[in-house]
Protein backbone atom coordinates (compact mmCIF):
# COMPACT_ATOMS: atom_id res chain seq x y z
CA MET A 1 157.26 166.78 48.10
CA THR A 2 154.69 166.93 45.45
CA PRO A 3 153.40 164.03 43.34
CA THR A 4 155.04 165.34 40.28
CA ALA A 5 158.38 165.62 42.12
CA ASP A 6 158.21 161.95 43.37
CA PRO A 7 158.17 159.21 40.72
CA GLY A 8 157.19 156.69 43.38
CA PHE A 9 153.96 158.63 43.94
CA GLY A 10 152.51 157.88 40.54
CA CYS A 11 151.55 160.67 38.23
CA ALA A 12 150.17 164.01 39.33
CA ALA A 13 146.62 163.45 38.00
CA PHE A 14 145.97 159.91 39.20
CA GLY A 15 148.61 158.93 41.78
CA HIS A 16 146.48 159.90 44.70
CA LEU A 17 143.85 157.42 43.54
CA ALA A 18 145.97 154.32 43.46
CA SER A 19 145.29 153.01 46.86
CA ALA A 20 141.59 153.47 46.54
CA PHE A 21 141.82 151.86 43.13
CA VAL A 22 143.48 148.66 44.49
CA ASP A 23 140.99 148.36 47.32
CA ALA A 24 138.07 148.87 44.82
CA GLU A 25 136.80 151.91 46.91
CA LEU A 26 136.44 154.29 43.90
CA PRO A 27 133.08 154.98 42.28
CA ALA A 28 132.51 152.70 39.27
CA ALA A 29 133.18 155.54 36.77
CA ASP A 30 136.39 156.60 38.43
CA GLN A 31 137.50 152.86 38.85
CA GLU A 32 137.12 152.44 35.00
CA ARG A 33 138.77 155.74 34.29
CA PHE A 34 141.80 154.86 36.48
CA ALA A 35 142.01 151.40 34.93
CA THR A 36 142.28 152.96 31.49
CA HIS A 37 144.87 155.37 32.57
CA LEU A 38 146.83 152.55 34.33
CA SER A 39 147.55 150.83 31.08
CA ALA A 40 149.58 153.82 29.73
CA CYS A 41 151.23 155.15 32.96
CA ALA A 42 154.32 153.46 34.21
CA PRO A 43 154.63 155.46 37.45
CA CYS A 44 150.95 154.61 38.45
CA GLN A 45 151.67 150.91 37.48
CA ALA A 46 154.61 150.85 39.84
CA LEU A 47 152.63 152.42 42.64
CA VAL A 48 149.62 150.17 42.13
CA ALA A 49 152.17 147.10 42.26
CA GLU A 50 153.40 148.34 45.55
CA TYR A 51 150.02 148.69 47.03
CA ARG A 52 148.99 145.15 45.80
CA ALA A 53 152.20 143.72 47.33
CA LEU A 54 151.42 145.45 50.57
CA ASP A 55 147.89 143.96 50.53
CA VAL A 56 149.43 140.40 50.04
CA ILE A 57 151.82 141.00 52.88
CA ALA A 58 149.08 142.36 55.21
CA LYS A 59 146.73 139.48 54.52
CA PRO A 60 146.06 137.41 57.68
CA ALA A 61 147.83 134.11 57.85
CA THR A 62 144.71 132.22 58.60
CA PRO A 63 142.84 131.35 55.22
CA GLN A 64 139.26 132.59 54.83
CA PRO A 65 136.61 129.93 55.11
CA THR A 66 134.69 129.05 51.98
CA ALA A 67 130.90 129.10 51.66
CA ALA A 68 130.67 125.37 52.11
CA GLU A 69 132.73 125.64 55.31
CA TRP A 70 130.45 128.29 56.67
CA ASP A 71 127.36 126.07 55.79
CA ARG A 72 128.92 123.15 57.54
CA ALA A 73 129.74 125.21 60.70
CA LEU A 74 126.23 126.60 60.77
CA SER A 75 124.55 123.36 60.29
CA GLY A 76 126.71 121.90 63.17
CA VAL A 77 125.58 124.85 65.40
CA LEU A 78 121.95 124.12 64.47
CA ARG A 79 122.34 120.51 65.20
CA ALA A 80 123.79 121.31 68.55
CA VAL A 81 120.95 123.68 69.37
CA GLU A 82 118.38 121.05 68.41
CA ALA A 83 120.13 118.41 70.62
CA ASP A 84 120.01 121.01 73.55
CA ARG A 85 116.35 121.58 72.97
CA ALA A 86 115.68 117.82 72.90
CA ASP A 87 117.69 117.40 76.30
CA ALA A 88 115.71 120.17 77.67
CA ALA A 89 112.34 118.54 76.72
CA ARG A 90 113.47 115.38 78.50
CA SER A 91 114.48 117.28 81.66
CA PRO A 92 112.20 116.85 84.74
CA TRP A 93 112.03 120.66 84.96
CA HIS A 94 110.65 121.03 81.42
CA GLY A 95 106.95 120.98 82.50
CA ALA A 96 107.49 123.48 85.33
CA LEU A 97 109.50 125.89 82.93
CA LEU A 98 106.66 125.69 80.34
CA ALA A 99 104.11 126.38 82.97
CA PHE A 100 106.22 129.38 84.19
CA ASP A 101 106.51 130.62 80.67
CA ARG A 102 102.75 130.38 80.08
CA ALA A 103 102.01 132.07 83.32
CA PHE A 104 104.37 134.99 83.12
CA GLY A 105 105.16 135.14 79.36
CA ALA A 106 102.46 137.84 78.83
CA ARG A 107 103.86 139.67 81.89
CA PRO A 108 107.61 140.18 81.24
CA TRP A 109 107.94 142.67 84.09
CA MET A 110 107.31 139.69 86.53
CA ARG A 111 110.42 137.86 85.61
CA PRO A 112 112.95 140.18 87.40
CA LEU A 113 110.53 140.39 90.23
CA LEU A 114 110.27 136.60 90.75
CA ALA A 115 114.14 136.26 90.20
CA THR A 116 114.65 138.69 92.95
CA ALA A 117 112.17 136.94 95.19
CA ALA A 118 113.91 133.59 94.55
CA ALA A 119 117.36 134.99 95.24
CA ALA A 120 116.01 136.59 98.47
CA ALA A 121 114.49 133.32 99.50
CA LEU A 122 117.69 131.42 98.85
CA ILE A 123 119.73 133.95 100.86
CA GLY A 124 117.28 133.70 103.74
CA VAL A 125 117.41 129.94 103.74
CA THR A 126 121.09 129.99 103.68
CA PHE A 127 121.30 132.55 106.47
CA GLY A 128 118.79 130.49 108.49
CA LEU A 129 120.68 127.35 108.17
CA SER A 130 123.98 128.89 109.01
CA ARG A 131 122.41 130.45 112.16
CA ALA A 132 120.81 127.05 113.10
CA LEU A 133 124.15 125.13 112.66
CA ARG A 134 126.03 127.49 115.02
CA THR A 135 127.10 125.97 118.34
CA ASP A 136 127.46 129.11 120.41
CA GLY A 137 129.55 127.26 122.97
CA HIS A 138 127.06 124.43 123.68
CA PRO A 139 128.67 121.16 124.63
CA ASP A 140 128.65 118.38 121.97
CA GLY A 141 128.31 120.97 119.37
CA VAL A 142 129.59 120.47 115.82
CA VAL A 143 132.33 123.10 114.97
CA HIS A 144 133.94 124.11 111.69
CA VAL A 145 136.35 126.98 111.78
CA ASP A 146 137.18 128.42 108.42
CA ARG A 147 140.53 130.28 107.92
CA PRO A 148 140.80 132.54 111.03
CA SER A 149 142.26 135.91 110.27
CA ARG A 150 145.22 135.75 112.64
CA ALA A 151 146.93 132.47 113.34
CA THR A 152 148.51 133.19 116.73
CA VAL A 153 145.10 134.14 118.17
CA VAL A 154 142.78 131.50 119.48
CA ALA A 155 140.15 131.01 116.67
CA ALA A 156 137.39 129.60 118.89
CA THR A 157 136.97 128.09 122.32
CA PHE A 158 134.11 125.83 123.28
CA GLU A 159 132.98 124.06 126.44
CA ALA A 160 134.43 120.54 126.44
CA PRO A 161 133.61 118.08 125.08
CA ALA A 162 133.11 119.66 121.60
CA ARG A 163 133.30 117.74 118.31
CA VAL A 164 135.38 119.66 115.78
CA LEU A 165 134.70 118.49 112.33
CA GLY A 166 137.05 120.72 110.33
CA VAL A 167 139.44 123.53 110.56
CA SER A 168 140.83 125.32 107.53
CA CYS A 169 143.87 127.45 108.02
CA GLN A 170 145.66 129.98 105.72
CA PRO A 171 148.63 128.59 103.68
CA GLY A 172 151.63 128.24 105.90
CA TYR A 173 149.68 127.27 109.00
CA ALA A 174 148.33 123.95 110.41
CA PRO A 175 145.25 123.52 112.54
CA ALA A 176 145.57 122.65 116.23
CA VAL A 177 142.65 121.41 118.31
CA PHE A 178 143.27 120.71 121.92
CA THR A 179 141.52 120.70 125.41
CA ILE A 180 142.74 122.76 128.33
CA GLY A 181 141.85 123.03 131.93
CA GLU A 182 141.07 120.18 134.35
CA ASP A 183 138.39 121.75 136.45
CA ASP A 184 136.68 123.67 133.72
CA PRO A 185 137.83 122.13 130.43
CA MET A 186 137.76 124.13 127.19
CA THR A 187 138.24 122.90 123.63
CA VAL A 188 140.63 125.33 121.76
CA VAL A 189 140.90 125.63 118.01
CA GLN A 190 143.65 127.68 116.51
CA CYS A 191 146.08 127.71 113.49
CA GLU A 192 149.82 127.45 114.24
CA VAL A 193 152.84 128.34 111.96
CA ILE A 194 154.17 125.15 110.24
């Protein structure tokens, strides 16, 4: 269907510009030319009215903030940033961080290297502590068994007497710690179905 055959499409010469006119997307000269045409063309007036009605319907339900509201929000953010800076200045780490920035600020390539070294050191300390705290079956060891994979299988056995500090089982299972054997006693840790 052509614009001339459809009266809801505006007129043939200007109907195709109605949407751009309503959205103010036309160049200034074309915008003025369409406005002049609009005053005398009933089909274009109806089409522009429909586009304006669609714009009203399509507007978001949330009202747009005013300039004063934006200023208030921005000043609140800036106050929060300043408060964080003041808290950081009172931190016991503030001096160390400033020294770090002075030492490595000129060498930005050092930051990832130092972060990697710190992470490796932390992993090494964690691994070392976990190895040092293992009992490996020694008597009077401290044992913590965390969620064994199969509840029906014995999770751990230790030479008696062993101190079991904690056992964590999967949901639906309860921890069981008992000693077996009279001649050669063993402490058994397992999870049983509730």
